[in-house]
Amino acid sequence: RLQQGYDHSYYFIASFIEQHLRFHAQYLQ
């Protein structure tokens, strides 16, 4: 159960960072 929660939070943070990087990439261009 703990491992499952860790994976969920990891994917959530990963997706959040991906969107953040895409936002800055478009802003810089």
C-alpha atoms as a PDB file:
ATOM      1  CA  ARG A   1       0.000   0.000   0.000  1.00  0.00           C
ATOM      2  CA  LEU A   2       2.807   2.397   0.837  1.00  0.00           C
ATOM      3  CA  GLN A   3       4.580   1.618  -2.438  1.00  0.00           C
ATOM      4  CA  GLN A   4       1.396   2.286  -4.412  1.00  0.00           C
ATOM      5  CA  GLY A   5       0.981   5.683  -2.761  1.00  0.00           C
ATOM      6  CA  TYR A   6       4.598   6.528  -3.538  1.00  0.00           C
ATOM      7  CA  ASP A   7       4.159   5.690  -7.220  1.00  0.00           C
ATOM      8  CA  HIS A   8       1.011   7.814  -7.401  1.00  0.00           C
ATOM      9  CA  SER A   9       2.731  10.852  -5.903  1.00  0.00           C
ATOM     10  CA  TYR A  10       5.750  10.316  -8.160  1.00  0.00           C
ATOM     11  CA  TYR A  11       3.674  10.343 -11.343  1.00  0.00           C
ATOM     12  CA  PHE A  12       1.722  13.351 -10.076  1.00  0.00           C
ATOM     13  CA  ILE A  13       4.910  15.341  -9.447  1.00  0.00           C
ATOM     14  CA  ALA A  14       6.458  14.152 -12.725  1.00  0.00           C
ATOM     15  CA  SER A  15       3.435  15.298 -14.727  1.00  0.00           C
ATOM     16  CA  PHE A  16       3.396  18.618 -12.849  1.00  0.00           C
ATOM     17  CA  ILE A  17       7.076  19.250 -13.635  1.00  0.00           C
ATOM     18  CA  GLU A  18       6.529  18.268 -17.274  1.00  0.00           C
ATOM     19  CA  GLN A  19       3.756  20.832 -17.665  1.00  0.00           C
ATOM     20  CA  HIS A  20       5.912  23.424 -15.879  1.00  0.00           C
ATOM     21  CA  LEU A  21       8.828  22.845 -18.251  1.00  0.00           C
ATOM     22  CA  ARG A  22       6.558  22.982 -21.299  1.00  0.00           C
ATOM     23  CA  PHE A  23       5.126  26.291 -20.086  1.00  0.00           C
ATOM     24  CA  HIS A  24       8.578  27.856 -19.752  1.00  0.00           C
ATOM     25  CA  ALA A  25       9.692  26.357 -23.064  1.00  0.00           C
ATOM     26  CA  GLN A  26       6.827  28.088 -24.867  1.00  0.00           C
ATOM     27  CA  TYR A  27       7.464  31.319 -22.950  1.00  0.00           C
ATOM     28  CA  LEU A  28      11.158  31.404 -23.865  1.00  0.00           C
ATOM     29  CA  GLN A  29      10.437  30.747 -27.523  1.00  0.00           C
END
